[in-house]
Amino acid sequence: MKLLIHLCCSNCGIYPLQNMLLRHVDVSGFWFNPNIHPYTEFTSRRDSVKKLSRLWNLAVVYDNDYSLDDFLGAITGRGRERCSVCYEIRLDRTAETAKKMQFDGFTTSLLASPYQNFDRIMEKGREAALRHKVPFLAEDYRAGWKTSQDLSRELSLYRQKYCGCIYSEMERYAAPGKG
């Protein structure tokens, strides 16, 4: 199986990638994250994915489309539903790319984080699969979260402090009741 995995960051990608490589899945990474703010954070995370790809000799497709205006327009005023829109944007582009590049399927490293809405990611992945007619590999990688974090430290990969968007940055750093 030739699989494209959306990489939200190097840290979340570690366990799913290890898992697939051990199963001899022909896996390539896909970087597309217009949600990450500010741009310096975007480049730090992208550079960390590049470092992991060099260390593991992993092929990665980089879509550096940083359409911040489009992204903010899509999520503004959505409250907690903004995450669902964000998942949809990124998984749709991943499915579209997988289809275009003739991959047998796609998945995402978002399925590794205990901080993300697993069920919503699964829903948005399946919807993207139907739209683009390419299978979505729906696997729960959360059991490997600690393994990923430990290995990311060992590899000296950049470790972010919040999910990525301007709202998650505010939630991470704003004093309680001030956000």
N, C-alpha and C. Protein backbone atom coordinates (compact mmCIF):
# COMPACT_ATOMS: atom_id res chain seq x y z
N MET A 1 0.83 -1.18 0.00
CA MET A 1 0.00 0.00 0.00
C MET A 1 0.87 1.25 0.00
N LYS A 2 0.54 2.18 -0.85
CA LYS A 2 1.23 3.46 -0.95
C LYS A 2 0.36 4.51 -0.28
N LEU A 3 0.83 5.05 0.85
CA LEU A 3 0.01 5.90 1.69
C LEU A 3 0.62 7.29 1.86
N LEU A 4 -0.24 8.31 1.86
CA LEU A 4 0.17 9.70 2.11
C LEU A 4 -0.35 10.07 3.49
N ILE A 5 0.56 10.49 4.38
CA ILE A 5 0.15 10.90 5.72
C ILE A 5 0.32 12.40 5.88
N HIS A 6 -0.77 13.07 6.20
CA HIS A 6 -0.72 14.49 6.52
C HIS A 6 0.05 14.62 7.83
N LEU A 7 1.06 15.49 7.85
CA LEU A 7 1.85 15.71 9.05
C LEU A 7 1.52 17.10 9.61
N CYS A 8 0.88 17.12 10.78
CA CYS A 8 0.59 18.40 11.41
C CYS A 8 1.85 18.95 12.07
N CYS A 9 2.75 18.05 12.45
CA CYS A 9 4.05 18.42 13.04
C CYS A 9 4.89 17.14 13.09
N SER A 10 6.17 17.30 13.33
CA SER A 10 7.04 16.12 13.40
C SER A 10 6.71 15.25 14.61
N ASN A 11 6.39 15.88 15.73
CA ASN A 11 6.16 15.14 16.97
C ASN A 11 4.99 14.16 16.85
N CYS A 12 3.87 14.65 16.33
CA CYS A 12 2.69 13.78 16.19
C CYS A 12 2.91 12.72 15.10
N GLY A 13 3.80 12.99 14.17
CA GLY A 13 4.04 12.05 13.09
C GLY A 13 4.88 10.85 13.45
N ILE A 14 5.65 10.95 14.51
CA ILE A 14 6.62 9.91 14.84
C ILE A 14 5.99 8.52 15.00
N TYR A 15 5.03 8.39 15.90
CA TYR A 15 4.47 7.06 16.16
C TYR A 15 3.72 6.49 14.95
N PRO A 16 2.85 7.26 14.30
CA PRO A 16 2.19 6.69 13.11
C PRO A 16 3.19 6.27 12.04
N LEU A 17 4.22 7.08 11.83
CA LEU A 17 5.24 6.73 10.83
C LEU A 17 5.98 5.46 11.23
N GLN A 18 6.39 5.36 12.49
CA GLN A 18 7.06 4.14 12.96
C GLN A 18 6.18 2.92 12.74
N ASN A 19 4.93 3.07 13.12
CA ASN A 19 3.96 1.99 13.00
C ASN A 19 3.85 1.52 11.55
N MET A 20 3.73 2.46 10.64
CA MET A 20 3.58 2.10 9.22
C MET A 20 4.87 1.52 8.65
N LEU A 21 6.00 2.11 9.00
CA LEU A 21 7.27 1.60 8.49
C LEU A 21 7.54 0.18 8.98
N LEU A 22 7.17 -0.12 10.22
CA LEU A 22 7.34 -1.47 10.75
C LEU A 22 6.44 -2.47 10.03
N ARG A 23 5.32 -1.99 9.50
CA ARG A 23 4.39 -2.85 8.74
C ARG A 23 4.72 -2.84 7.25
N HIS A 24 5.83 -2.20 6.90
CA HIS A 24 6.31 -2.11 5.52
C HIS A 24 5.33 -1.40 4.58
N VAL A 25 4.64 -0.40 5.12
CA VAL A 25 3.76 0.44 4.30
C VAL A 25 4.66 1.44 3.57
N ASP A 26 4.43 1.63 2.31
CA ASP A 26 5.15 2.63 1.51
C ASP A 26 4.52 3.99 1.82
N VAL A 27 5.07 4.69 2.79
CA VAL A 27 4.47 5.92 3.29
C VAL A 27 5.30 7.15 2.92
N SER A 28 4.60 8.21 2.56
CA SER A 28 5.21 9.52 2.31
C SER A 28 4.46 10.54 3.15
N GLY A 29 5.18 11.54 3.60
CA GLY A 29 4.56 12.60 4.38
C GLY A 29 3.98 13.69 3.49
N PHE A 30 3.08 14.47 4.07
CA PHE A 30 2.48 15.61 3.38
C PHE A 30 2.35 16.76 4.37
N TRP A 31 3.01 17.86 4.05
CA TRP A 31 2.98 19.06 4.89
C TRP A 31 2.03 20.07 4.27
N PHE A 32 0.92 20.33 4.95
CA PHE A 32 -0.02 21.38 4.57
C PHE A 32 -0.72 21.85 5.83
N ASN A 33 -0.37 23.04 6.29
CA ASN A 33 -0.89 23.54 7.56
C ASN A 33 -1.04 25.06 7.56
N PRO A 34 -1.98 25.60 6.80
CA PRO A 34 -2.16 27.05 6.75
C PRO A 34 -2.73 27.62 8.04
N ASN A 35 -3.07 26.75 8.98
CA ASN A 35 -3.63 27.16 10.27
C ASN A 35 -2.58 27.69 11.24
N ILE A 36 -1.33 27.35 11.04
CA ILE A 36 -0.31 27.64 12.05
C ILE A 36 0.05 29.13 12.04
N HIS A 37 0.00 29.71 13.22
CA HIS A 37 0.25 31.13 13.42
C HIS A 37 1.19 31.30 14.61
N PRO A 38 2.10 32.24 14.56
CA PRO A 38 2.46 33.10 13.45
C PRO A 38 3.31 32.35 12.42
N TYR A 39 3.69 33.07 11.39
CA TYR A 39 4.45 32.45 10.30
C TYR A 39 5.76 31.84 10.81
N THR A 40 6.38 32.46 11.80
CA THR A 40 7.63 31.90 12.35
C THR A 40 7.38 30.53 12.98
N GLU A 41 6.19 30.34 13.57
CA GLU A 41 5.82 29.03 14.12
C GLU A 41 5.63 28.02 12.99
N PHE A 42 5.00 28.47 11.92
CA PHE A 42 4.80 27.64 10.72
C PHE A 42 6.15 27.14 10.21
N THR A 43 7.11 28.03 10.08
CA THR A 43 8.42 27.62 9.54
C THR A 43 9.18 26.73 10.53
N SER A 44 9.05 26.98 11.82
CA SER A 44 9.72 26.13 12.81
C SER A 44 9.19 24.70 12.75
N ARG A 45 7.88 24.57 12.62
CA ARG A 45 7.29 23.23 12.54
C ARG A 45 7.63 22.55 11.22
N ARG A 46 7.60 23.31 10.13
CA ARG A 46 7.96 22.74 8.83
C ARG A 46 9.42 22.30 8.83
N ASP A 47 10.30 23.11 9.40
CA ASP A 47 11.72 22.75 9.46
C ASP A 47 11.95 21.50 10.31
N SER A 48 11.14 21.32 11.34
CA SER A 48 11.24 20.12 12.17
C SER A 48 10.81 18.88 11.38
N VAL A 49 9.78 19.02 10.55
CA VAL A 49 9.36 17.91 9.67
C VAL A 49 10.49 17.61 8.68
N LYS A 50 11.13 18.65 8.16
CA LYS A 50 12.26 18.44 7.24
C LYS A 50 13.39 17.70 7.93
N LYS A 51 13.66 18.05 9.18
CA LYS A 51 14.71 17.36 9.94
C LYS A 51 14.36 15.89 10.12
N LEU A 52 13.13 15.60 10.52
CA LEU A 52 12.71 14.21 10.70
C LEU A 52 12.80 13.45 9.37
N SER A 53 12.41 14.09 8.29
CA SER A 53 12.47 13.41 6.99
C SER A 53 13.91 13.08 6.60
N ARG A 54 14.83 13.96 6.93
CA ARG A 54 16.26 13.67 6.66
C ARG A 54 16.76 12.53 7.54
N LEU A 55 16.42 12.58 8.82
CA LEU A 55 16.88 11.54 9.76
C LEU A 55 16.35 10.16 9.41
N TRP A 56 15.13 10.09 8.93
CA TRP A 56 14.49 8.82 8.64
C TRP A 56 14.43 8.50 7.16
N ASN A 57 15.02 9.35 6.34
CA ASN A 57 15.00 9.15 4.89
C ASN A 57 13.55 8.97 4.39
N LEU A 58 12.71 9.88 4.82
CA LEU A 58 11.29 9.85 4.51
C LEU A 58 10.97 10.87 3.43
N ALA A 59 10.26 10.44 2.41
CA ALA A 59 9.81 11.36 1.36
C ALA A 59 8.67 12.20 1.92
N VAL A 60 8.74 13.50 1.71
CA VAL A 60 7.68 14.41 2.16
C VAL A 60 7.36 15.38 1.04
N VAL A 61 6.08 15.56 0.79
CA VAL A 61 5.59 16.55 -0.17
C VAL A 61 5.24 17.79 0.65
N TYR A 62 5.80 18.93 0.27
CA TYR A 62 5.56 20.17 1.00
C TYR A 62 4.64 21.08 0.19
N ASP A 63 3.46 21.33 0.74
CA ASP A 63 2.55 22.32 0.18
C ASP A 63 2.66 23.53 1.10
N ASN A 64 3.43 24.51 0.67
CA ASN A 64 3.72 25.67 1.50
C ASN A 64 2.70 26.79 1.36
N ASP A 65 1.51 26.44 0.87
CA ASP A 65 0.44 27.41 0.73
C ASP A 65 0.06 27.92 2.11
N TYR A 66 0.42 29.15 2.40
CA TYR A 66 0.13 29.76 3.69
C TYR A 66 -0.96 30.81 3.48
N SER A 67 -2.15 30.33 3.20
CA SER A 67 -3.29 31.20 2.91
C SER A 67 -3.96 31.62 4.21
N LEU A 68 -3.28 32.44 4.98
CA LEU A 68 -3.79 32.83 6.28
C LEU A 68 -5.14 33.54 6.18
N ASP A 69 -5.31 34.44 5.22
CA ASP A 69 -6.59 35.14 5.05
C ASP A 69 -7.72 34.14 4.79
N ASP A 70 -7.48 33.19 3.89
CA ASP A 70 -8.50 32.18 3.59
C ASP A 70 -8.82 31.34 4.82
N PHE A 71 -7.78 30.94 5.54
CA PHE A 71 -7.97 30.12 6.73
C PHE A 71 -8.77 30.89 7.78
N LEU A 72 -8.35 32.11 8.08
CA LEU A 72 -9.05 32.89 9.10
C LEU A 72 -10.49 33.19 8.68
N GLY A 73 -10.71 33.44 7.40
CA GLY A 73 -12.07 33.65 6.90
C GLY A 73 -12.95 32.44 7.11
N ALA A 74 -12.35 31.26 7.00
CA ALA A 74 -13.12 30.02 7.16
C ALA A 74 -13.46 29.72 8.62
N ILE A 75 -12.61 30.14 9.56
CA ILE A 75 -12.84 29.75 10.96
C ILE A 75 -13.38 30.87 11.84
N THR A 76 -13.27 32.11 11.41
CA THR A 76 -13.71 33.23 12.25
C THR A 76 -15.19 33.11 12.57
N GLY A 77 -15.50 33.31 13.84
CA GLY A 77 -16.87 33.26 14.30
C GLY A 77 -17.42 31.86 14.52
N ARG A 78 -16.58 30.86 14.41
CA ARG A 78 -17.04 29.46 14.55
C ARG A 78 -16.90 28.91 15.97
N GLY A 79 -16.26 29.68 16.85
CA GLY A 79 -16.07 29.19 18.22
C GLY A 79 -15.32 27.87 18.23
N ARG A 80 -15.81 26.92 19.01
CA ARG A 80 -15.16 25.61 19.12
C ARG A 80 -15.26 24.80 17.82
N GLU A 81 -16.18 25.15 16.96
CA GLU A 81 -16.32 24.44 15.68
C GLU A 81 -15.19 24.78 14.72
N ARG A 82 -14.37 25.75 15.08
CA ARG A 82 -13.25 26.12 14.20
C ARG A 82 -12.33 24.93 13.95
N CYS A 83 -12.17 24.07 14.95
CA CYS A 83 -11.28 22.92 14.79
C CYS A 83 -11.80 21.97 13.71
N SER A 84 -13.09 21.78 13.68
CA SER A 84 -13.70 20.93 12.67
C SER A 84 -13.42 21.47 11.26
N VAL A 85 -13.55 22.77 11.11
CA VAL A 85 -13.27 23.42 9.82
C VAL A 85 -11.79 23.25 9.47
N CYS A 86 -10.94 23.42 10.45
CA CYS A 86 -9.49 23.27 10.24
C CYS A 86 -9.15 21.85 9.80
N TYR A 87 -9.73 20.86 10.46
CA TYR A 87 -9.50 19.46 10.06
C TYR A 87 -9.95 19.26 8.62
N GLU A 88 -11.11 19.79 8.29
CA GLU A 88 -11.66 19.62 6.95
C GLU A 88 -10.74 20.22 5.89
N ILE A 89 -10.25 21.42 6.13
CA ILE A 89 -9.36 22.09 5.17
C ILE A 89 -8.11 21.25 4.91
N ARG A 90 -7.49 20.79 5.98
CA ARG A 90 -6.23 20.06 5.83
C ARG A 90 -6.43 18.65 5.27
N LEU A 91 -7.47 17.97 5.71
CA LEU A 91 -7.71 16.60 5.22
C LEU A 91 -8.21 16.61 3.79
N ASP A 92 -8.97 17.62 3.43
CA ASP A 92 -9.42 17.72 2.04
C ASP A 92 -8.23 17.90 1.10
N ARG A 93 -7.30 18.77 1.46
CA ARG A 93 -6.12 18.98 0.61
C ARG A 93 -5.26 17.72 0.57
N THR A 94 -5.19 16.99 1.68
CA THR A 94 -4.41 15.75 1.71
C THR A 94 -5.03 14.70 0.79
N ALA A 95 -6.35 14.54 0.87
CA ALA A 95 -7.04 13.57 0.02
C ALA A 95 -6.90 13.96 -1.45
N GLU A 96 -7.04 15.23 -1.74
CA GLU A 96 -6.90 15.73 -3.11
C GLU A 96 -5.49 15.42 -3.65
N THR A 97 -4.49 15.65 -2.81
CA THR A 97 -3.09 15.39 -3.21
C THR A 97 -2.84 13.90 -3.37
N ALA A 98 -3.37 13.10 -2.47
CA ALA A 98 -3.21 11.64 -2.56
C ALA A 98 -3.80 11.13 -3.87
N LYS A 99 -4.96 11.62 -4.21
CA LYS A 99 -5.61 11.20 -5.47
C LYS A 99 -4.77 11.63 -6.66
N LYS A 100 -4.37 12.88 -6.67
CA LYS A 100 -3.60 13.45 -7.78
C LYS A 100 -2.26 12.71 -7.98
N MET A 101 -1.64 12.32 -6.86
CA MET A 101 -0.33 11.66 -6.92
C MET A 101 -0.44 10.14 -6.96
N GLN A 102 -1.65 9.63 -7.09
CA GLN A 102 -1.93 8.20 -7.23
C GLN A 102 -1.49 7.36 -6.03
N PHE A 103 -1.74 7.89 -4.84
CA PHE A 103 -1.54 7.10 -3.62
C PHE A 103 -2.76 6.19 -3.45
N ASP A 104 -2.57 5.09 -2.74
CA ASP A 104 -3.66 4.16 -2.49
C ASP A 104 -4.59 4.64 -1.38
N GLY A 105 -4.12 5.59 -0.58
CA GLY A 105 -4.91 6.11 0.52
C GLY A 105 -4.19 7.22 1.24
N PHE A 106 -4.85 7.75 2.27
CA PHE A 106 -4.25 8.83 3.06
C PHE A 106 -4.68 8.69 4.51
N THR A 107 -3.95 9.37 5.38
CA THR A 107 -4.27 9.44 6.80
C THR A 107 -3.67 10.73 7.35
N THR A 108 -3.69 10.89 8.65
CA THR A 108 -3.15 12.10 9.27
C THR A 108 -2.53 11.81 10.63
N SER A 109 -1.49 12.55 10.94
CA SER A 109 -0.86 12.44 12.26
C SER A 109 -1.73 13.08 13.35
N LEU A 110 -2.76 13.82 12.96
CA LEU A 110 -3.70 14.37 13.94
C LEU A 110 -4.32 13.25 14.78
N LEU A 111 -4.39 12.05 14.23
CA LEU A 111 -4.97 10.91 14.94
C LEU A 111 -4.08 10.40 16.07
N ALA A 112 -2.91 11.01 16.25
CA ALA A 112 -1.99 10.59 17.30
C ALA A 112 -2.12 11.45 18.56
N SER A 113 -2.72 12.61 18.45
CA SER A 113 -2.75 13.54 19.57
C SER A 113 -3.96 13.35 20.48
N PRO A 114 -3.72 13.20 21.78
CA PRO A 114 -4.83 13.11 22.72
C PRO A 114 -5.52 14.47 22.91
N TYR A 115 -4.95 15.52 22.37
CA TYR A 115 -5.50 16.87 22.51
C TYR A 115 -6.45 17.25 21.38
N GLN A 116 -6.57 16.41 20.36
CA GLN A 116 -7.44 16.69 19.23
C GLN A 116 -8.75 15.92 19.36
N ASN A 117 -9.76 16.35 18.62
CA ASN A 117 -11.07 15.69 18.64
C ASN A 117 -11.02 14.51 17.66
N PHE A 118 -10.69 13.35 18.20
CA PHE A 118 -10.49 12.15 17.40
C PHE A 118 -11.68 11.82 16.51
N ASP A 119 -12.87 11.83 17.09
CA ASP A 119 -14.07 11.46 16.32
C ASP A 119 -14.32 12.44 15.17
N ARG A 120 -14.08 13.70 15.42
CA ARG A 120 -14.29 14.71 14.37
C ARG A 120 -13.26 14.54 13.25
N ILE A 121 -12.02 14.23 13.61
CA ILE A 121 -10.98 13.99 12.60
C ILE A 121 -11.37 12.79 11.74
N MET A 122 -11.86 11.75 12.38
CA MET A 122 -12.30 10.56 11.64
C MET A 122 -13.42 10.93 10.67
N GLU A 123 -14.38 11.70 11.14
CA GLU A 123 -15.51 12.12 10.31
C GLU A 123 -15.02 12.93 9.11
N LYS A 124 -14.14 13.90 9.35
CA LYS A 124 -13.66 14.76 8.27
C LYS A 124 -12.76 13.99 7.30
N GLY A 125 -12.01 13.02 7.81
CA GLY A 125 -11.20 12.17 6.94
C GLY A 125 -12.06 11.33 6.02
N ARG A 126 -13.12 10.76 6.57
CA ARG A 126 -14.03 9.94 5.76
C ARG A 126 -14.76 10.78 4.71
N GLU A 127 -15.15 12.01 5.08
CA GLU A 127 -15.82 12.90 4.13
C GLU A 127 -14.88 13.26 2.98
N ALA A 128 -13.62 13.57 3.31
CA ALA A 128 -12.64 13.90 2.27
C ALA A 128 -12.40 12.70 1.36
N ALA A 129 -12.39 11.51 1.94
CA ALA A 129 -12.20 10.28 1.16
C ALA A 129 -13.32 10.12 0.14
N LEU A 130 -14.54 10.37 0.56
CA LEU A 130 -15.68 10.26 -0.35
C LEU A 130 -15.62 11.30 -1.46
N ARG A 131 -15.28 12.54 -1.09
CA ARG A 131 -15.21 13.62 -2.08
C ARG A 131 -14.17 13.34 -3.16
N HIS A 132 -13.04 12.81 -2.73
CA HIS A 132 -11.92 12.64 -3.67
C HIS A 132 -11.73 11.20 -4.14
N LYS A 133 -12.57 10.31 -3.63
CA LYS A 133 -12.55 8.90 -4.05
C LYS A 133 -11.18 8.25 -3.84
N VAL A 134 -10.67 8.46 -2.63
CA VAL A 134 -9.42 7.84 -2.22
C VAL A 134 -9.61 7.38 -0.76
N PRO A 135 -9.24 6.15 -0.40
CA PRO A 135 -9.49 5.63 0.95
C PRO A 135 -8.76 6.40 2.06
N PHE A 136 -9.45 6.53 3.17
CA PHE A 136 -8.90 7.14 4.38
C PHE A 136 -8.54 6.03 5.35
N LEU A 137 -7.27 5.95 5.73
CA LEU A 137 -6.82 4.96 6.71
C LEU A 137 -7.12 5.54 8.09
N ALA A 138 -8.10 4.99 8.75
CA ALA A 138 -8.56 5.49 10.04
C ALA A 138 -8.01 4.61 11.15
N GLU A 139 -6.90 5.05 11.74
CA GLU A 139 -6.29 4.29 12.83
C GLU A 139 -6.07 5.19 14.03
N ASP A 140 -6.22 4.63 15.20
CA ASP A 140 -6.02 5.35 16.45
C ASP A 140 -4.56 5.19 16.88
N TYR A 141 -3.82 6.28 16.80
CA TYR A 141 -2.39 6.24 17.16
C TYR A 141 -2.11 6.85 18.53
N ARG A 142 -3.16 7.18 19.28
CA ARG A 142 -2.97 7.87 20.55
C ARG A 142 -2.19 7.05 21.58
N ALA A 143 -2.23 5.73 21.45
CA ALA A 143 -1.49 4.88 22.40
C ALA A 143 0.02 5.13 22.32
N GLY A 144 0.48 5.66 21.19
CA GLY A 144 1.90 5.92 21.01
C GLY A 144 2.33 7.34 21.32
N TRP A 145 1.44 8.12 21.93
CA TRP A 145 1.73 9.54 22.20
C TRP A 145 3.02 9.71 23.01
N LYS A 146 3.16 8.98 24.10
CA LYS A 146 4.35 9.12 24.95
C LYS A 146 5.60 8.70 24.19
N THR A 147 5.50 7.64 23.44
CA THR A 147 6.63 7.18 22.61
C THR A 147 7.08 8.29 21.67
N SER A 148 6.11 8.93 21.02
CA SER A 148 6.43 10.03 20.10
C SER A 148 7.11 11.18 20.82
N GLN A 149 6.59 11.53 21.98
CA GLN A 149 7.17 12.66 22.72
C GLN A 149 8.59 12.35 23.19
N ASP A 150 8.80 11.14 23.69
CA ASP A 150 10.13 10.75 24.14
C ASP A 150 11.13 10.77 22.98
N LEU A 151 10.72 10.20 21.84
CA LEU A 151 11.62 10.14 20.69
C LEU A 151 11.87 11.53 20.10
N SER A 152 10.88 12.39 20.14
CA SER A 152 11.09 13.74 19.60
C SER A 152 12.13 14.48 20.45
N ARG A 153 12.14 14.22 21.74
CA ARG A 153 13.17 14.83 22.61
C ARG A 153 14.55 14.26 22.24
N GLU A 154 14.62 12.94 22.10
CA GLU A 154 15.89 12.29 21.75
C GLU A 154 16.44 12.82 20.43
N LEU A 155 15.56 13.08 19.47
CA LEU A 155 15.98 13.55 18.15
C LEU A 155 16.16 15.07 18.10
N SER A 156 15.91 15.73 19.23
CA SER A 156 16.01 17.20 19.32
C SER A 156 15.15 17.90 18.28
N LEU A 157 13.92 17.43 18.15
CA LEU A 157 12.98 18.06 17.23
C LEU A 157 12.29 19.23 17.93
N TYR A 158 11.90 20.20 17.15
CA TYR A 158 11.17 21.35 17.69
C TYR A 158 9.85 20.86 18.30
N ARG A 159 9.56 21.33 19.50
CA ARG A 159 8.35 20.92 20.20
C ARG A 159 7.48 22.15 20.46
N GLN A 160 6.35 22.20 19.80
CA GLN A 160 5.47 23.35 19.91
C GLN A 160 4.69 23.34 21.23
N LYS A 161 4.13 24.48 21.57
CA LYS A 161 3.44 24.64 22.85
C LYS A 161 1.92 24.77 22.70
N TYR A 162 1.41 24.79 21.47
CA TYR A 162 -0.02 24.91 21.24
C TYR A 162 -0.35 24.29 19.90
N CYS A 163 -1.64 24.06 19.66
CA CYS A 163 -2.07 23.34 18.46
C CYS A 163 -1.59 24.03 17.18
N GLY A 164 -1.84 25.31 17.06
CA GLY A 164 -1.34 25.97 15.85
C GLY A 164 -1.99 27.28 15.51
N CYS A 165 -3.32 27.38 15.59
CA CYS A 165 -3.97 28.61 15.14
C CYS A 165 -3.85 29.71 16.19
N ILE A 166 -4.20 30.90 15.76
CA ILE A 166 -4.11 32.06 16.64
C ILE A 166 -5.00 31.89 17.88
N TYR A 167 -6.12 31.20 17.72
CA TYR A 167 -7.00 30.97 18.86
C TYR A 167 -6.38 30.00 19.85
N SER A 168 -5.76 28.94 19.35
CA SER A 168 -5.13 27.98 20.27
C SER A 168 -3.93 28.61 20.96
N GLU A 169 -3.24 29.52 20.27
CA GLU A 169 -2.14 30.24 20.90
C GLU A 169 -2.68 31.09 22.05
N MET A 170 -3.78 31.79 21.81
CA MET A 170 -4.39 32.62 22.85
C MET A 170 -4.81 31.75 24.04
N GLU A 171 -5.47 30.62 23.75
CA GLU A 171 -5.91 29.73 24.83
C GLU A 171 -4.74 29.21 25.65
N ARG A 172 -3.63 29.00 25.01
CA ARG A 172 -2.45 28.47 25.71
C ARG A 172 -1.81 29.51 26.62
N TYR A 173 -1.74 30.76 26.16
CA TYR A 173 -0.97 31.77 26.86
C TYR A 173 -1.78 32.82 27.63
N ALA A 174 -3.06 32.98 27.32
CA ALA A 174 -3.87 33.99 28.00
C ALA A 174 -4.13 33.57 29.46
N ALA A 175 -4.14 34.56 30.31
CA ALA A 175 -4.46 34.28 31.72
C ALA A 175 -5.92 33.79 31.79
N PRO A 176 -6.24 32.86 32.70
CA PRO A 176 -7.62 32.38 32.79
C PRO A 176 -8.61 33.53 32.94
N GLY A 177 -9.67 33.47 32.17
CA GLY A 177 -10.68 34.51 32.22
C GLY A 177 -10.35 35.74 31.41
N LYS A 178 -9.16 35.80 30.80
CA LYS A 178 -8.75 36.99 30.05
C LYS A 178 -8.84 36.77 28.55
N GLY A 179 -9.16 35.53 28.09
CA GLY A 179 -9.15 35.24 26.67
C GLY A 179 -10.36 35.47 25.95
